[in-house]
């Protein structure tokens, strides 16, 4: 038992150090409910998308604090992947 715990701790720290952190690529967040305990949705590229989502249901749009400025990539923007058969 004394050896298992330190080994598990070292392994989990190695995994955490090895994986790079990624910031959120979406610039705008929708805050639903107007601050009365509503939800948050931070998946909007433009302010127009965000304002359309909160239109009629209440809420407001704000800039995403985790936005890192990188462009959003989707499978369509990456293009087709070539398949390799072994």
C-alpha atoms as a PDB file:
ATOM      1  CA  UNK A   1       0.000   0.000   0.000  1.00  0.00           C
ATOM      2  CA  UNK A   2       2.850   2.368   0.760  1.00  0.00           C
ATOM      3  CA  UNK A   3       4.326   1.939  -2.732  1.00  0.00           C
ATOM      4  CA  UNK A   4       1.039   2.046  -4.679  1.00  0.00           C
ATOM      5  CA  UNK A   5      -0.007   5.543  -3.598  1.00  0.00           C
ATOM      6  CA  UNK A   6       3.250   7.339  -4.568  1.00  0.00           C
ATOM      7  CA  UNK A   7       3.370   5.476  -7.881  1.00  0.00           C
ATOM      8  CA  UNK A   8      -0.207   6.504  -8.714  1.00  0.00           C
ATOM      9  CA  UNK A   9       0.565  10.084  -7.737  1.00  0.00           C
ATOM     10  CA  UNK A  10       3.657  10.234  -9.968  1.00  0.00           C
ATOM     11  CA  UNK A  11       1.743   8.711 -12.894  1.00  0.00           C
ATOM     12  CA  UNK A  12      -1.147  11.162 -12.588  1.00  0.00           C
ATOM     13  CA  UNK A  13       1.234  14.141 -12.362  1.00  0.00           C
ATOM     14  CA  UNK A  14       3.076  12.939 -15.476  1.00  0.00           C
ATOM     15  CA  UNK A  15      -0.211  12.840 -17.396  1.00  0.00           C
ATOM     16  CA  UNK A  16      -1.179  16.336 -16.225  1.00  0.00           C
ATOM     17  CA  UNK A  17       2.171  17.820 -17.196  1.00  0.00           C
ATOM     18  CA  UNK A  18       2.206  16.124 -20.584  1.00  0.00           C
ATOM     19  CA  UNK A  19      -1.209  17.329 -21.813  1.00  0.00           C
ATOM     20  CA  UNK A  20      -1.210  20.974 -22.958  1.00  0.00           C
ATOM     21  CA  UNK A  21      -3.984  23.304 -21.867  1.00  0.00           C
ATOM     22  CA  UNK A  22      -6.306  24.816 -24.447  1.00  0.00           C
ATOM     23  CA  UNK A  23      -8.271  28.012 -24.190  1.00  0.00           C
ATOM     24  CA  UNK A  24     -11.773  28.558 -25.487  1.00  0.00           C
ATOM     25  CA  UNK A  25     -11.857  29.585 -29.179  1.00  0.00           C
ATOM     26  CA  UNK A  26     -15.285  31.271 -29.023  1.00  0.00           C
ATOM     27  CA  UNK A  27     -15.404  35.032 -28.474  1.00  0.00           C
ATOM     28  CA  UNK A  28     -18.957  35.562 -27.138  1.00  0.00           C
ATOM     29  CA  UNK A  29     -21.021  34.131 -24.276  1.00  0.00           C
ATOM     30  CA  UNK A  30     -24.775  34.302 -23.779  1.00  0.00           C
ATOM     31  CA  UNK A  31     -25.922  34.830 -20.203  1.00  0.00           C
ATOM     32  CA  UNK A  32     -29.515  33.634 -19.924  1.00  0.00           C
ATOM     33  CA  UNK A  33     -31.881  34.718 -17.189  1.00  0.00           C
ATOM     34  CA  UNK A  34     -30.386  38.163 -16.652  1.00  0.00           C
ATOM     35  CA  UNK A  35     -28.215  37.173 -13.678  1.00  0.00           C
ATOM     36  CA  UNK A  36     -30.976  35.388 -11.735  1.00  0.00           C
ATOM     37  CA  UNK A  37     -29.289  32.005 -11.782  1.00  0.00           C
ATOM     38  CA  UNK A  38     -29.718  31.354 -15.498  1.00  0.00           C
ATOM     39  CA  UNK A  39     -27.391  29.416 -17.758  1.00  0.00           C
ATOM     40  CA  UNK A  40     -24.335  30.399 -19.757  1.00  0.00           C
ATOM     41  CA  UNK A  41     -23.488  29.389 -23.321  1.00  0.00           C
ATOM     42  CA  UNK A  42     -20.035  30.346 -24.647  1.00  0.00           C
ATOM     43  CA  UNK A  43     -20.237  28.860 -28.151  1.00  0.00           C
ATOM     44  CA  UNK A  44     -20.678  31.943 -30.321  1.00  0.00           C
ATOM     45  CA  UNK A  45     -18.171  33.234 -32.859  1.00  0.00           C
ATOM     46  CA  UNK A  46     -19.956  36.539 -33.538  1.00  0.00           C
ATOM     47  CA  UNK A  47     -21.960  38.955 -31.439  1.00  0.00           C
ATOM     48  CA  UNK A  48     -24.841  38.604 -33.905  1.00  0.00           C
ATOM     49  CA  UNK A  49     -25.065  34.850 -33.216  1.00  0.00           C
ATOM     50  CA  UNK A  50     -25.115  35.488 -29.487  1.00  0.00           C
ATOM     51  CA  UNK A  51     -27.725  38.238 -29.628  1.00  0.00           C
ATOM     52  CA  UNK A  52     -29.970  36.072 -31.814  1.00  0.00           C
ATOM     53  CA  UNK A  53     -29.759  33.298 -29.220  1.00  0.00           C
ATOM     54  CA  UNK A  54     -30.869  35.539 -26.323  1.00  0.00           C
ATOM     55  CA  UNK A  55     -33.486  37.420 -28.352  1.00  0.00           C
ATOM     56  CA  UNK A  56     -36.902  36.811 -26.877  1.00  0.00           C
ATOM     57  CA  UNK A  57     -35.779  34.613 -23.990  1.00  0.00           C
ATOM     58  CA  UNK A  58     -34.040  37.211 -21.861  1.00  0.00           C
ATOM     59  CA  UNK A  59     -30.404  37.636 -21.109  1.00  0.00           C
ATOM     60  CA  UNK A  60     -27.410  39.408 -22.545  1.00  0.00           C
ATOM     61  CA  UNK A  61     -24.148  38.777 -24.399  1.00  0.00           C
ATOM     62  CA  UNK A  62     -20.687  39.295 -22.987  1.00  0.00           C
ATOM     63  CA  UNK A  63     -17.161  38.679 -24.211  1.00  0.00           C
ATOM     64  CA  UNK A  64     -15.679  35.330 -23.281  1.00  0.00           C
ATOM     65  CA  UNK A  65     -12.892  35.773 -20.740  1.00  0.00           C
ATOM     66  CA  UNK A  66     -11.227  32.570 -21.933  1.00  0.00           C
ATOM     67  CA  UNK A  67     -11.088  33.580 -25.599  1.00  0.00           C
ATOM     68  CA  UNK A  68      -7.553  33.155 -26.930  1.00  0.00           C
ATOM     69  CA  UNK A  69      -7.824  34.673 -30.416  1.00  0.00           C
ATOM     70  CA  UNK A  70      -7.168  31.494 -32.379  1.00  0.00           C
ATOM     71  CA  UNK A  71      -9.555  30.730 -35.235  1.00  0.00           C
ATOM     72  CA  UNK A  72     -12.215  28.118 -34.664  1.00  0.00           C
ATOM     73  CA  UNK A  73     -11.533  24.936 -36.600  1.00  0.00           C
ATOM     74  CA  UNK A  74     -14.251  22.511 -37.565  1.00  0.00           C
ATOM     75  CA  UNK A  75     -14.078  19.311 -39.598  1.00  0.00           C
ATOM     76  CA  UNK A  76     -15.257  21.313 -42.600  1.00  0.00           C
ATOM     77  CA  UNK A  77     -12.415  23.855 -42.340  1.00  0.00           C
ATOM     78  CA  UNK A  78      -9.748  21.215 -41.838  1.00  0.00           C
ATOM     79  CA  UNK A  79     -10.723  19.337 -44.987  1.00  0.00           C
ATOM     80  CA  UNK A  80     -10.872  15.652 -45.770  1.00  0.00           C
ATOM     81  CA  UNK A  81      -8.412  13.354 -44.114  1.00  0.00           C
ATOM     82  CA  UNK A  82      -6.667  10.754 -46.143  1.00  0.00           C
ATOM     83  CA  UNK A  83      -7.163   7.214 -44.962  1.00  0.00           C
ATOM     84  CA  UNK A  84      -4.248   4.916 -44.721  1.00  0.00           C
ATOM     85  CA  UNK A  85      -4.808   1.213 -44.779  1.00  0.00           C
ATOM     86  CA  UNK A  86      -2.264  -1.131 -43.367  1.00  0.00           C
END
